[in-house]
Structures are given as C-alpha cells and as structure tokens.
Protein backbone atom coordinates (compact mmCIF):
# COMPACT_ATOMS: atom_id res chain seq x y z
CA MET A 1 0.00 0.00 0.00
CA LYS A 2 1.29 3.48 -0.88
CA THR A 3 2.25 5.70 2.11
CA LYS A 4 0.31 8.97 2.02
CA ILE A 5 2.16 12.26 2.47
CA PHE A 6 0.74 15.62 3.57
CA LYS A 7 3.58 17.92 4.57
CA LYS A 8 3.51 21.62 5.35
CA VAL A 9 6.38 23.29 3.46
CA ALA A 10 5.60 26.94 4.19
CA LYS A 11 2.68 29.09 5.24
CA ASN A 12 -0.36 28.11 3.10
CA LEU A 13 1.81 25.72 1.06
CA PHE A 14 1.63 21.92 1.39
CA LEU A 15 2.97 18.85 -0.41
CA ARG A 16 0.37 16.09 -0.85
CA GLY A 17 0.68 12.61 -2.38
CA ASN A 18 2.74 9.48 -1.73
CA LYS A 19 6.30 8.22 -2.20
CA LEU A 20 5.73 7.76 -5.94
CA SER A 21 4.07 11.06 -6.83
CA ALA A 22 3.05 14.28 -5.12
CA SER A 23 1.61 17.71 -5.88
CA TRP A 24 1.75 21.20 -4.45
CA ILE A 25 -1.34 22.49 -2.64
CA VAL A 26 -2.18 26.04 -1.64
CA ARG A 27 -4.52 25.91 1.38
CA VAL A 28 -6.41 29.06 2.31
CA SER A 29 -9.55 30.10 4.16
CA ILE A 30 -12.28 31.82 2.12
CA ASN A 31 -15.37 33.01 3.99
CA LYS A 32 -14.30 30.84 6.94
CA LYS A 33 -14.19 27.74 4.75
CA GLN A 34 -11.01 25.82 3.99
CA LYS A 35 -10.16 25.68 0.28
CA ASP A 36 -7.37 23.75 -1.45
CA PHE A 37 -5.91 24.69 -4.84
CA GLY A 38 -3.64 22.34 -6.77
CA ILE A 39 -0.81 24.33 -8.37
CA GLY A 40 1.46 21.69 -9.89
CA SER A 41 3.13 18.34 -9.50
CA TYR A 42 6.34 17.66 -7.60
CA PRO A 43 9.18 17.74 -8.62
CA ALA A 44 8.09 19.11 -12.02
CA THR A 45 7.19 22.33 -10.20
CA SER A 46 10.07 23.46 -7.97
CA GLU A 47 9.59 24.69 -4.41
CA GLN A 48 10.62 28.21 -5.44
CA ARG A 49 8.04 28.25 -8.24
CA ALA A 50 5.39 26.86 -5.88
CA LEU A 51 6.07 29.70 -3.42
CA GLU A 52 5.68 32.26 -6.23
CA ILE A 53 2.36 30.76 -7.32
CA ARG A 54 1.19 30.67 -3.68
CA ASP A 55 1.87 34.38 -3.30
CA GLN A 56 0.01 35.12 -6.54
CA TYR A 57 -3.01 33.03 -5.39
CA ILE A 58 -3.19 34.79 -2.04
CA SER A 59 -3.03 38.18 -3.82
CA TRP A 60 -5.92 37.22 -6.09
CA ILE A 61 -8.01 35.98 -3.15
CA ARG A 62 -7.45 39.25 -1.27
CA ASP A 63 -8.70 41.11 -4.34
CA GLY A 64 -11.85 38.94 -4.38
CA LYS A 65 -10.86 37.08 -7.54
CA ASN A 66 -11.08 33.36 -8.38
CA PRO A 67 -7.47 32.06 -8.52
CA THR A 68 -8.29 29.21 -10.94
CA VAL A 69 -9.93 31.58 -13.43
CA GLU A 70 -7.18 34.18 -13.08
CA ARG A 71 -4.46 31.64 -13.65
CA LEU A 72 -6.22 30.36 -16.77
CA LYS A 73 -6.25 33.90 -18.15
CA GLN A 74 -2.48 34.07 -17.68
CA LYS A 75 -1.80 30.86 -19.57
CA THR A 76 -1.33 30.59 -23.32
CA MET A 77 -2.40 27.55 -25.28
CA GLN A 78 1.12 27.16 -26.65
CA ASP A 79 2.49 26.55 -23.15
CA GLU A 80 -0.21 24.07 -22.09
CA MET A 81 -0.92 20.43 -22.99
CA THR A 82 -4.48 20.44 -24.30
CA PHE A 83 -6.96 17.61 -23.89
CA GLY A 84 -6.89 16.98 -27.65
CA GLU A 85 -3.09 16.66 -27.60
CA MET A 86 -3.20 14.39 -24.56
CA PHE A 87 -5.82 12.21 -26.25
CA GLU A 88 -3.63 11.82 -29.33
CA TRP A 89 -0.68 10.84 -27.14
CA VAL A 90 -2.72 8.24 -25.23
CA PHE A 91 -4.18 6.86 -28.45
CA THR A 92 -0.82 6.53 -30.22
CA ASN A 93 1.27 5.31 -27.30
CA VAL A 94 -1.23 3.27 -25.32
CA LYS A 95 -4.58 2.39 -26.91
CA ALA A 96 -3.37 1.58 -30.43
CA LYS A 97 -0.87 -0.86 -28.93
CA THR A 98 -3.01 -2.52 -26.26
CA MET A 99 -6.62 -2.68 -27.48
CA ARG A 100 -7.82 -6.08 -28.66
CA ASN A 101 -8.73 -5.42 -32.28
CA GLU A 102 -9.00 -2.83 -35.05
CA PHE A 103 -12.73 -2.43 -34.56
CA SER A 104 -12.34 -1.47 -30.88
CA ILE A 105 -9.49 0.91 -31.75
CA LYS A 106 -11.58 2.69 -34.41
CA GLN A 107 -14.59 2.84 -32.09
CA TYR A 108 -12.51 4.45 -29.35
CA TYR A 109 -10.93 7.03 -31.67
CA SER A 110 -14.25 7.91 -33.30
CA ARG A 111 -16.06 8.14 -29.95
CA ILE A 112 -13.71 10.80 -28.57
CA ASN A 113 -13.38 12.76 -31.81
CA LYS A 114 -17.11 12.92 -32.41
CA HIS A 115 -18.63 13.28 -28.96
CA VAL A 116 -15.96 14.99 -26.81
CA LEU A 117 -13.33 17.09 -28.61
CA PRO A 118 -15.67 19.43 -30.55
CA LYS A 119 -18.06 20.12 -27.64
CA ASN A 120 -18.15 23.78 -26.64
CA VAL A 121 -17.80 24.51 -22.90
CA ALA A 122 -17.69 27.70 -20.84
CA VAL A 123 -14.32 28.71 -19.37
CA ALA A 124 -13.91 31.97 -17.47
CA ASP A 125 -15.62 34.64 -19.61
CA SER A 126 -15.49 32.75 -22.90
CA HIS A 127 -16.31 29.46 -24.60
CA ILE A 128 -13.85 26.94 -26.01
CA ASP A 129 -13.87 23.49 -27.61
CA PHE A 130 -13.23 20.75 -25.06
CA GLY A 131 -10.32 19.43 -27.12
CA LYS A 132 -8.55 22.80 -26.78
CA LEU A 133 -8.88 22.97 -23.00
CA PRO A 134 -5.59 22.72 -21.07
CA VAL A 135 -5.69 19.44 -19.16
CA SER A 136 -4.41 21.34 -16.11
CA ILE A 137 -7.76 23.08 -15.55
CA ILE A 138 -10.31 20.48 -16.65
CA SER A 139 -12.85 19.87 -13.91
CA ALA A 140 -15.98 17.78 -13.45
CA GLN A 141 -18.09 20.78 -14.50
CA HIS A 142 -16.33 20.98 -17.88
CA ILE A 143 -16.84 17.25 -18.53
CA VAL A 144 -20.53 17.33 -17.55
CA ALA A 145 -21.11 20.33 -19.81
CA ALA A 146 -19.48 18.51 -22.71
CA ILE A 147 -21.24 15.13 -22.51
CA ARG A 148 -24.49 15.67 -20.58
CA ALA A 149 -26.80 15.85 -23.62
CA PHE A 150 -25.21 12.82 -25.26
CA TYR A 151 -25.21 10.85 -21.98
CA LEU A 152 -28.95 11.38 -21.50
CA LYS A 153 -29.69 10.13 -25.01
CA HIS A 154 -27.11 7.30 -25.14
CA PRO A 155 -26.34 6.30 -21.53
CA SER A 156 -24.34 3.19 -22.41
CA THR A 157 -21.89 5.01 -24.70
CA GLY A 158 -22.00 8.02 -22.37
CA LYS A 159 -20.61 5.90 -19.54
CA LYS A 160 -17.81 4.76 -21.80
CA LEU A 161 -17.00 8.39 -22.61
CA ILE A 162 -16.68 9.21 -18.92
CA GLY A 163 -14.27 6.31 -18.50
CA ASP A 164 -12.31 7.39 -21.59
CA ILE A 165 -11.95 10.99 -20.37
CA VAL A 166 -10.91 9.95 -16.86
CA ASP A 167 -8.33 7.56 -18.33
CA ILE A 168 -6.82 10.33 -20.47
CA LEU A 169 -6.70 12.69 -17.49
CA SER A 170 -5.02 9.95 -15.44
CA HIS A 171 -2.20 9.82 -17.99
CA ALA A 172 -1.98 13.62 -17.77
CA ASP A 173 -1.74 13.32 -13.97
CA ALA A 174 1.08 10.80 -14.26
CA GLN A 175 3.05 13.09 -16.57
CA GLY A 176 2.69 16.19 -14.43
CA PHE A 177 0.37 18.13 -16.77
CA ARG A 178 -2.51 18.48 -14.29
CA TYR A 179 -2.80 21.40 -11.87
CA GLU A 180 -6.23 20.59 -10.43
CA SER A 181 -6.31 19.65 -6.74
CA GLN A 182 -8.67 16.79 -7.65
CA GLY A 183 -7.09 13.70 -9.19
CA ALA A 184 -8.58 12.20 -12.35
CA ILE A 185 -10.38 9.44 -10.45
CA ASP A 186 -11.99 11.97 -8.09
CA VAL A 187 -13.02 14.07 -11.09
CA GLY A 188 -14.67 11.00 -12.62
CA ALA A 189 -16.57 10.29 -9.40
CA ALA A 190 -17.79 13.90 -9.31
CA VAL A 191 -18.94 13.66 -12.95
CA ARG A 192 -20.97 10.50 -12.27
CA LYS A 193 -22.50 12.12 -9.20
CA SER A 194 -23.42 15.27 -11.14
CA LEU A 195 -25.21 13.47 -13.98
CA PRO A 196 -28.84 12.44 -13.37
CA ALA A 197 -29.52 8.83 -12.41
CA LEU A 198 -31.22 6.97 -15.24
CA ASP A 199 -34.10 4.58 -14.66
CA THR A 200 -32.90 1.19 -15.87
CA LYS A 201 -35.38 -1.01 -13.98
CA ASN A 202 -37.71 -1.54 -16.92
CA ARG A 203 -35.12 -1.67 -19.68
CA HIS A 204 -34.85 -4.88 -21.67
CA TYR A 205 -32.45 -5.94 -24.36
CA ALA A 206 -34.09 -6.04 -27.79
CA LYS A 207 -34.74 -9.68 -28.71
CA LEU A 208 -35.79 -11.57 -31.81
CA HIS A 209 -39.07 -13.52 -31.80
CA HIS A 210 -38.20 -17.18 -31.24
CA ASP A 211 -40.05 -18.25 -34.41
CA ASP A 212 -37.58 -16.15 -36.42
CA ALA A 213 -34.52 -17.63 -34.70
CA PRO A 214 -33.99 -20.51 -37.19
CA ASN A 215 -34.10 -18.03 -40.08
CA PHE A 216 -31.45 -15.91 -38.36
CA LEU A 217 -29.21 -18.90 -37.77
CA ARG A 218 -29.35 -19.91 -41.42
CA ALA A 219 -28.51 -16.32 -42.42
CA LEU A 220 -25.63 -16.46 -39.93
CA GLN A 221 -24.23 -19.60 -41.57
CA ARG A 222 -24.67 -18.30 -45.12
CA THR A 223 -23.07 -14.90 -44.61
CA SER A 224 -19.73 -14.49 -46.33
CA PHE A 225 -17.33 -11.57 -46.59
CA ASN A 226 -13.62 -11.35 -47.19
CA GLU A 227 -12.87 -8.49 -44.81
CA ASN A 228 -10.45 -9.46 -42.02
CA TYR A 229 -11.53 -6.31 -40.20
CA ILE A 230 -12.20 -7.82 -36.82
CA THR A 231 -10.69 -11.21 -36.29
CA HIS A 232 -9.38 -14.44 -37.78
CA ASP A 233 -12.03 -15.26 -40.40
CA ARG A 234 -15.75 -15.50 -41.03
CA GLN A 235 -16.12 -19.02 -39.61
CA PHE A 236 -14.43 -17.99 -36.36
CA VAL A 237 -17.08 -15.36 -35.58
CA GLN A 238 -19.92 -17.55 -36.87
CA THR A 239 -18.84 -20.27 -34.46
CA ALA A 240 -18.66 -17.85 -31.51
CA TYR A 241 -22.03 -16.26 -32.28
CA GLU A 242 -23.86 -19.57 -32.69
CA LEU A 243 -22.33 -20.98 -29.51
CA MET A 244 -23.55 -17.90 -27.63
CA ILE A 245 -27.10 -18.57 -28.87
CA LEU A 246 -26.97 -22.32 -28.18
CA THR A 247 -25.78 -21.90 -24.57
CA ALA A 248 -27.98 -18.83 -23.79
CA ALA A 249 -24.83 -17.10 -22.54
CA ARG A 250 -24.23 -13.43 -21.91
CA PRO A 251 -21.90 -12.00 -24.60
CA ASN A 252 -19.02 -11.46 -22.17
CA GLU A 253 -19.45 -15.01 -20.78
CA LEU A 254 -19.10 -16.42 -24.29
CA CYS A 255 -16.12 -14.22 -25.22
CA SER A 256 -14.22 -15.15 -22.04
CA MET A 257 -14.87 -18.90 -22.37
CA ARG A 258 -11.78 -20.97 -21.46
CA TRP A 259 -10.81 -24.51 -22.45
CA SER A 260 -10.05 -25.21 -18.80
CA GLN A 261 -13.76 -24.66 -18.01
CA ILE A 262 -14.91 -27.31 -20.49
CA ASP A 263 -15.27 -31.07 -19.91
CA LEU A 264 -15.98 -32.59 -23.32
CA GLU A 265 -16.60 -36.07 -21.89
CA LYS A 266 -19.23 -34.82 -19.43
CA ARG A 267 -20.50 -32.31 -22.03
CA LEU A 268 -20.32 -29.54 -19.46
CA ARG A 269 -18.87 -26.05 -19.01
CA THR A 270 -18.27 -24.87 -15.44
CA ILE A 271 -17.93 -21.11 -15.01
CA PRO A 272 -16.29 -20.01 -11.71
CA ALA A 273 -18.26 -17.73 -9.41
CA ALA A 274 -15.68 -14.95 -9.90
CA HIS A 275 -16.60 -14.78 -13.60
CA MET A 276 -20.37 -14.69 -13.09
CA LYS A 277 -22.66 -11.69 -12.70
CA ASN A 278 -24.47 -13.27 -9.73
CA ALA A 279 -21.17 -14.45 -8.14
CA GLN A 280 -22.28 -18.12 -8.19
CA VAL A 281 -20.73 -21.09 -9.97
CA HIS A 282 -22.68 -21.82 -13.16
CA HIS A 283 -22.84 -25.21 -14.90
CA VAL A 284 -23.67 -25.06 -18.61
CA PRO A 285 -24.77 -28.35 -20.27
CA LEU A 286 -23.47 -28.60 -23.83
CA SER A 287 -25.73 -29.83 -26.63
CA LYS A 288 -24.40 -32.06 -29.42
CA ARG A 289 -24.27 -29.06 -31.74
CA ALA A 290 -22.34 -27.05 -29.12
CA LEU A 291 -19.78 -29.87 -28.87
CA THR A 292 -19.37 -29.83 -32.66
CA LEU A 293 -18.65 -26.10 -32.59
CA LEU A 294 -16.13 -26.48 -29.76
CA LYS A 295 -14.27 -29.17 -31.68
CA ARG A 296 -14.15 -26.82 -34.67
CA ALA A 297 -12.80 -24.02 -32.43
CA ARG A 298 -9.74 -26.13 -31.55
CA LYS A 299 -8.05 -25.05 -34.77
CA TRP A 300 -7.89 -21.43 -33.52
CA GLN A 301 -6.44 -22.33 -30.11
CA LYS A 302 -3.33 -20.39 -29.08
CA ASN A 303 -3.99 -20.01 -25.33
CA ASP A 304 -6.64 -21.05 -22.79
CA TYR A 305 -9.34 -18.89 -24.38
CA VAL A 306 -11.68 -20.64 -26.81
CA PHE A 307 -11.96 -17.45 -28.86
CA PRO A 308 -8.59 -15.67 -28.53
CA ALA A 309 -7.99 -12.13 -29.77
CA ILE A 310 -5.53 -11.57 -32.58
CA ARG A 311 -3.37 -9.31 -30.41
CA GLY A 312 -1.93 -10.24 -27.06
CA LYS A 313 -3.06 -13.04 -24.78
CA LYS A 314 -6.65 -11.97 -24.21
CA HIS A 315 -9.99 -12.98 -25.74
CA ILE A 316 -12.26 -11.30 -28.29
CA GLY A 317 -14.68 -8.63 -27.10
CA SER A 318 -18.45 -8.45 -27.55
CA ALA A 319 -17.90 -5.72 -30.19
CA VAL A 320 -16.76 -8.53 -32.52
CA LEU A 321 -20.16 -10.22 -32.21
CA ASN A 322 -21.99 -6.91 -32.59
CA PHE A 323 -20.11 -6.03 -35.78
CA PHE A 324 -20.74 -9.43 -37.33
CA ARG A 325 -24.47 -9.32 -36.53
CA ARG A 326 -24.78 -5.93 -38.21
CA ARG A 327 -23.24 -7.45 -41.34
CA LEU A 328 -26.27 -9.75 -41.52
CA GLY A 329 -28.60 -6.84 -42.21
CA GLN A 330 -31.43 -5.35 -40.15
CA TRP A 331 -33.11 -7.90 -37.88
CA GLU A 332 -35.86 -6.30 -35.84
CA SER A 333 -36.87 -7.29 -32.33
CA ILE A 334 -40.40 -7.92 -31.09
CA ASP A 335 -40.63 -4.19 -30.29
CA GLY A 336 -39.37 -3.16 -33.73
CA ASN A 337 -35.88 -2.14 -32.60
CA PRO A 338 -32.63 -3.70 -33.88
CA ILE A 339 -31.84 -6.87 -31.93
CA THR A 340 -28.92 -7.11 -29.53
CA GLU A 341 -26.57 -9.97 -28.61
CA HIS A 342 -27.80 -10.01 -25.01
CA GLY A 343 -31.35 -10.19 -26.35
CA TRP A 344 -30.82 -13.81 -27.41
CA ARG A 345 -31.23 -14.79 -23.78
CA GLY A 346 -34.72 -13.30 -23.90
CA THR A 347 -35.41 -15.17 -27.15
CA PHE A 348 -34.45 -18.44 -25.47
CA ARG A 349 -36.62 -17.61 -22.43
CA ASN A 350 -39.67 -16.97 -24.62
CA TRP A 351 -39.07 -20.19 -26.57
CA ALA A 352 -38.76 -22.12 -23.30
CA SER A 353 -42.10 -20.76 -22.04
CA VAL A 354 -43.90 -21.73 -25.24
CA HIS A 355 -42.31 -25.20 -25.48
CA GLY A 356 -43.08 -26.46 -22.00
CA VAL A 357 -39.74 -25.95 -20.26
CA ARG A 358 -40.27 -25.55 -16.53
CA ARG A 359 -39.67 -22.05 -15.19
CA GLU A 360 -36.95 -23.20 -12.77
CA VAL A 361 -35.10 -25.01 -15.57
CA ALA A 362 -35.25 -22.03 -17.94
CA GLU A 363 -34.13 -19.59 -15.23
CA LEU A 364 -31.15 -21.76 -14.31
CA CYS A 365 -30.15 -22.06 -17.97
CA LEU A 366 -29.86 -18.26 -17.86
CA SER A 367 -27.95 -18.39 -14.54
CA HIS A 368 -30.79 -16.55 -12.77
CA SER A 369 -31.62 -17.39 -9.15
CA ALA A 370 -34.65 -19.63 -9.58
CA PHE A 371 -35.05 -20.25 -5.85
CA ARG A 372 -34.55 -18.05 -2.83
CA GLY A 373 -31.32 -18.32 -0.86
CA GLU A 374 -27.80 -18.87 -2.11
CA THR A 375 -27.65 -22.45 -0.75
CA GLU A 376 -30.91 -23.44 -2.44
CA ALA A 377 -29.81 -21.77 -5.69
CA ALA A 378 -26.51 -23.67 -5.71
CA TYR A 379 -28.31 -26.94 -4.90
CA SER A 380 -30.91 -26.45 -7.66
CA ASP A 381 -28.13 -25.72 -10.15
CA GLU A 382 -26.85 -29.26 -9.61
CA LEU A 383 -30.26 -30.90 -9.18
CA LEU A 384 -31.78 -29.77 -12.49
CA LEU A 385 -28.72 -30.37 -14.64
CA ASP A 386 -30.30 -33.20 -16.66
CA GLU A 387 -33.45 -31.20 -17.31
CA ARG A 388 -31.37 -28.23 -18.44
CA ARG A 389 -29.34 -30.45 -20.75
CA ASP A 390 -32.57 -31.68 -22.31
CA ALA A 391 -33.90 -28.11 -22.70
CA LEU A 392 -30.73 -26.87 -24.42
CA GLU A 393 -30.67 -29.94 -26.69
CA ARG A 394 -34.26 -29.22 -27.75
CA TRP A 395 -33.33 -25.55 -28.24
CA ALA A 396 -30.50 -26.57 -30.58
CA GLU A 397 -32.82 -28.88 -32.52
CA PHE A 398 -35.38 -26.09 -32.85
CA LEU A 399 -32.76 -23.68 -34.20
CA HIS A 400 -31.56 -26.23 -36.78
CA GLN A 401 -34.95 -27.50 -37.92
CA LYS A 402 -35.57 -27.77 -41.62
CA PRO A 403 -37.10 -24.74 -43.42
CA ALA A 404 -40.35 -26.58 -44.14
CA LYS A 405 -41.11 -26.75 -40.42
CA ILE A 406 -40.55 -23.05 -39.74
CA THR A 407 -43.52 -20.85 -38.97
CA LEU A 408 -43.03 -17.63 -40.92
CA ARG A 409 -44.20 -14.40 -39.36
CA VAL A 410 -45.40 -11.51 -41.51
CA ALA A 411 -45.09 -8.06 -40.00
C-alpha cells in the first residue's frame, strides 16, 4: 500500500501525495471555509516556483478574484498540454498498442473525436472546444457540460466516454500536466454524481421472436465476406455467435470462455463464481451441436481462451459479435428495434415458455436465481442439470430444424 504524504512546506503551502508522486497544494480560508488549490506536481514544479504561485493566489483571493480563473487567463495555449493533444498521445502510445482489435481501436478514436473534442464549454468569460482545453484546468463541470446531452440520449456510450476521459486525465496526472487539486479518479466520481440517475429497472435488451430464430441462424451460416476487419475469419465469428445462442450465454461469458472450463466427456462447461454476474458457480450443459462447434474451435487455439484475440493473450470482445451481426442486415426485435446480442437470452426464455420448459429449468439455464437463498440456488443448479441439458438440446434442434417446419411471421 502506498504511504500517504501531507507535509507543510511553508505558510499556506503543502505537499500532498505518496512516495511515488506528489503535488503542491495552496490551502487558504475563504469566507471561513477551507479551500485547497492544486498548483502543480512535484518535482516538475520546484519549491521556489510553488512559493511564487502561492503568493500570486493569495493576492488574487485578497482582491476577491477566483485564482483558478485568473491563472487560466495568464496561460497561453502554446504553453499548455491540451486535452486533444493528450488524447492523441494516449491513443498513439497506449490504446493503439493494447486494445484487442482494429474495430475497438476505431470505435474508441471515433467516440472521442465525435462526442468529446468538438463540444463547446464555458471557461472563465469565454467558450472553447473541449479538445482545446488545457488538461491542467479540466474539472468535473467541464466534462458534464461537454457530454451531458449525449449521456442522457445514449447512456451506455455516455458511460464509456466518462471512462475514456478519466483515463486520459489519469495519464496527464502521471506526466505532471494536471494542476487541479482533484485527481482524475476523483473528477470521474464527481462527474458521475453530477449526472442524473437513469431509470434502468424496466429496460430490456431487444430480442428476436423465437419463431424467427432458425431463419437468423441460417442467415448467420450463409453470410460471407472477405474483410479481415475484426478477427481471424468468417467461420471464427460464426462459431462464436452460434455458440452464444446455443448456450444462452451473456456475450461477455461467451467471449471469455476458457478450455479449462470445459469437460468434453461430461458435455459440461463450469464457469467459476468470480466470472459470473451473480457471483455463483454456473454449470452449462453442452448440446451435441455445441460440442461440434467447440471441436471446430480447436483449430484457432493459441492459449486457454476458446476465442482468442488476434493481439496479445486476451480474448475477443463483444464488439466482434456486434459487428458481425450488423453485417447480416437489419433484424428487428419484437418491439421493432434492432436486436442485440444479449437479447438472445430473452429469445431463449420466450421459446422455453412456449415449449413447455419448466420455469426453474429455464431460469437456471440463464444463470438466474430460480429459488430463494444462495444455498438453495446452488443446490438447484446441480439438481436440475439433466433437465437443463434436455432443454438446451431441444433448443439446438429447434434452431436447426428444416425450413419446411418453420412458422413464418409476416409483420
């Protein structure tokens, strides 16, 4: 654990941080309330320079001025690292080298360029594009002003933007470009607290009607394109997508599937509690078709992940599945919205209800708590294993039924 430091260096001047990094703080009393101002990192800012800035801050406060605003007025853009410049540095030196695939890299770059950099925010007595703001003065208020409208309309992507901005500011902190008393993580927490809480209780992932599922699966198997934009090849993603549907798995559960979790002889996948949303061990019976797909996936094996990423030692991300599904054309959900990968769990649940699968069996296939109490839930997971195997086998047969047996739905 890092040892915290808070040392008084001179009147109104303190050094705060730990043995690895620290920053200068000017502490004053304004209207009988203690106020801290971050004025630079140590040792990038010398003690002599910190004393000079302290004196200037105290002078501004005596004149009834806001020190942060006054200091911004003194700065020139040429002398400051802007957010746009910091973003380009992080993208080139970090993200482009560590992100899993080209699709994720392009998504990240486009997300910041489109929804953050050009947003106009108020600073002092003027307005400026967020990308041109010096990273040293960016606060939670600036971030909220830049992304609030987009966050309210697209909360999922909006949350990613907050994480992206905080990550970029963290790199700026590490390199001594930030003068704010709040660290990047604290700024991120303030942003999340400032934005309105969104009602997610009644939100459901858009799902395909179960009668249309066999049609989708045939389209999935027929689709062909030569673009190696995301991953190994077309068959690789087809295999991953179909296995997700067959096992009623969450997208991230499918992407992170490991060979060490699979027992081909017992036809069973065991997911550790640490990898599950409900923090309980989950047993997934494997249908005959699922076993066929796993045997096919052996040819791509290069580590313990069933679906490894091209770069590094990690696995593919759910964006791979999303991109591939969009290549299949527009498939509308029951509500008329484009379907989602997570929505396939809802499709399976509807099919199970219509085809006589007991509620407890269907809920356990989805790793939901079918009974009250953690002990009972764990016990039922083992007890109904045979019934769940039968349900998933029937689900696979339904998906692969011949076209003549399919009930077509006309909108």
